[in-house]
Amino acid sequence: MGDVINLRQARKARARADKQAEAARNRAHFGRTKGQKAIEAAERVRMEAVLEGARRDGVADGDEGDPPKG
């Protein structure tokens, strides 16, 4: 005959193991290190500077496609 186990304890242990496995998957999927976040922020700032440098003078945002009035 097999060992006697408390089903309530086994169920709770299995639920804890499932939550820990899901947490590990989420850490791998969503987690980023502070260094990775800093690199991404620096890249975003650099790209905004490139776009700002390429902006044409005298043209307001959203006015490029409007026909001339008059």
C-alpha atoms as a PDB file:
ATOM      1  CA  MET A   1       0.000   0.000   0.000  1.00  0.00           C
ATOM      2  CA  GLY A   2       1.164   3.583  -0.627  1.00  0.00           C
ATOM      3  CA  ASP A   3       2.061   6.322   1.770  1.00  0.00           C
ATOM      4  CA  VAL A   4      -0.692   8.250   3.489  1.00  0.00           C
ATOM      5  CA  ILE A   5      -0.710  11.917   2.484  1.00  0.00           C
ATOM      6  CA  ASN A   6      -2.797  14.868   3.518  1.00  0.00           C
ATOM      7  CA  LEU A   7      -4.655  15.883   0.352  1.00  0.00           C
ATOM      8  CA  ARG A   8      -5.111  19.488   1.513  1.00  0.00           C
ATOM      9  CA  GLN A   9      -1.374  19.913   2.038  1.00  0.00           C
ATOM     10  CA  ALA A  10      -0.590  18.242  -1.291  1.00  0.00           C
ATOM     11  CA  ARG A  11      -3.064  20.505  -3.104  1.00  0.00           C
ATOM     12  CA  LYS A  12      -1.585  23.636  -1.508  1.00  0.00           C
ATOM     13  CA  ALA A  13       1.971  22.498  -2.267  1.00  0.00           C
ATOM     14  CA  ARG A  14       1.048  21.909  -5.913  1.00  0.00           C
ATOM     15  CA  ALA A  15      -0.610  25.357  -6.097  1.00  0.00           C
ATOM     16  CA  ARG A  16       2.522  26.996  -4.628  1.00  0.00           C
ATOM     17  CA  ALA A  17       4.726  25.179  -7.135  1.00  0.00           C
ATOM     18  CA  ASP A  18       2.471  26.290 -10.002  1.00  0.00           C
ATOM     19  CA  LYS A  19       2.590  29.922  -8.832  1.00  0.00           C
ATOM     20  CA  GLN A  20       6.370  29.812  -8.526  1.00  0.00           C
ATOM     21  CA  ALA A  21       6.686  28.371 -12.038  1.00  0.00           C
ATOM     22  CA  GLU A  22       4.404  31.093 -13.431  1.00  0.00           C
ATOM     23  CA  ALA A  23       6.377  33.779 -11.587  1.00  0.00           C
ATOM     24  CA  ALA A  24       9.608  32.446 -13.089  1.00  0.00           C
ATOM     25  CA  ARG A  25       8.091  32.562 -16.585  1.00  0.00           C
ATOM     26  CA  ASN A  26       6.886  36.144 -16.003  1.00  0.00           C
ATOM     27  CA  ARG A  27      10.305  37.225 -14.727  1.00  0.00           C
ATOM     28  CA  ALA A  28      11.916  35.818 -17.852  1.00  0.00           C
ATOM     29  CA  HIS A  29       9.300  37.370 -20.128  1.00  0.00           C
ATOM     30  CA  PHE A  30       8.733  40.809 -18.575  1.00  0.00           C
ATOM     31  CA  GLY A  31      11.747  41.396 -16.375  1.00  0.00           C
ATOM     32  CA  ARG A  32      14.557  43.666 -17.461  1.00  0.00           C
ATOM     33  CA  THR A  33      17.635  44.696 -15.566  1.00  0.00           C
ATOM     34  CA  LYS A  34      18.313  48.293 -14.615  1.00  0.00           C
ATOM     35  CA  GLY A  35      21.122  48.369 -17.177  1.00  0.00           C
ATOM     36  CA  GLN A  36      18.817  47.192 -19.942  1.00  0.00           C
ATOM     37  CA  LYS A  37      16.274  49.883 -19.037  1.00  0.00           C
ATOM     38  CA  ALA A  38      19.014  52.554 -19.063  1.00  0.00           C
ATOM     39  CA  ILE A  39      20.288  51.431 -22.469  1.00  0.00           C
ATOM     40  CA  GLU A  40      16.763  51.508 -23.882  1.00  0.00           C
ATOM     41  CA  ALA A  41      16.122  54.993 -22.458  1.00  0.00           C
ATOM     42  CA  ALA A  42      19.401  56.301 -23.907  1.00  0.00           C
ATOM     43  CA  GLU A  43      18.523  54.831 -27.296  1.00  0.00           C
ATOM     44  CA  ARG A  44      15.087  56.466 -27.170  1.00  0.00           C
ATOM     45  CA  VAL A  45      16.657  59.872 -26.353  1.00  0.00           C
ATOM     46  CA  ARG A  46      19.171  59.458 -29.183  1.00  0.00           C
ATOM     47  CA  MET A  47      16.439  58.598 -31.691  1.00  0.00           C
ATOM     48  CA  GLU A  48      14.352  61.601 -30.600  1.00  0.00           C
ATOM     49  CA  ALA A  49      17.402  63.834 -31.126  1.00  0.00           C
ATOM     50  CA  VAL A  50      17.918  62.392 -34.617  1.00  0.00           C
ATOM     51  CA  LEU A  51      14.273  63.017 -35.490  1.00  0.00           C
ATOM     52  CA  GLU A  52      14.383  66.541 -34.066  1.00  0.00           C
ATOM     53  CA  GLY A  53      17.515  67.262 -36.103  1.00  0.00           C
ATOM     54  CA  ALA A  54      15.801  66.097 -39.288  1.00  0.00           C
ATOM     55  CA  ARG A  55      12.734  68.282 -38.722  1.00  0.00           C
ATOM     56  CA  ARG A  56      12.148  70.924 -41.381  1.00  0.00           C
ATOM     57  CA  ASP A  57      12.055  74.556 -40.275  1.00  0.00           C
ATOM     58  CA  GLY A  58       8.902  76.605 -40.732  1.00  0.00           C
ATOM     59  CA  VAL A  59       6.562  73.633 -40.855  1.00  0.00           C
ATOM     60  CA  ALA A  60       4.372  73.033 -37.817  1.00  0.00           C
ATOM     61  CA  ASP A  61       3.481  69.507 -36.794  1.00  0.00           C
ATOM     62  CA  GLY A  62       0.597  68.154 -38.843  1.00  0.00           C
ATOM     63  CA  ASP A  63       0.654  70.979 -41.426  1.00  0.00           C
ATOM     64  CA  GLU A  64       2.649  69.136 -44.101  1.00  0.00           C
ATOM     65  CA  GLY A  65      -0.373  67.638 -45.884  1.00  0.00           C
ATOM     66  CA  ASP A  66      -2.752  70.614 -45.792  1.00  0.00           C
ATOM     67  CA  PRO A  67      -3.338  72.446 -49.087  1.00  0.00           C
ATOM     68  CA  PRO A  68      -2.400  76.144 -49.181  1.00  0.00           C
ATOM     69  CA  LYS A  69      -5.239  78.481 -48.236  1.00  0.00           C
ATOM     70  CA  GLY A  70      -6.171  81.497 -50.275  1.00  0.00           C
END
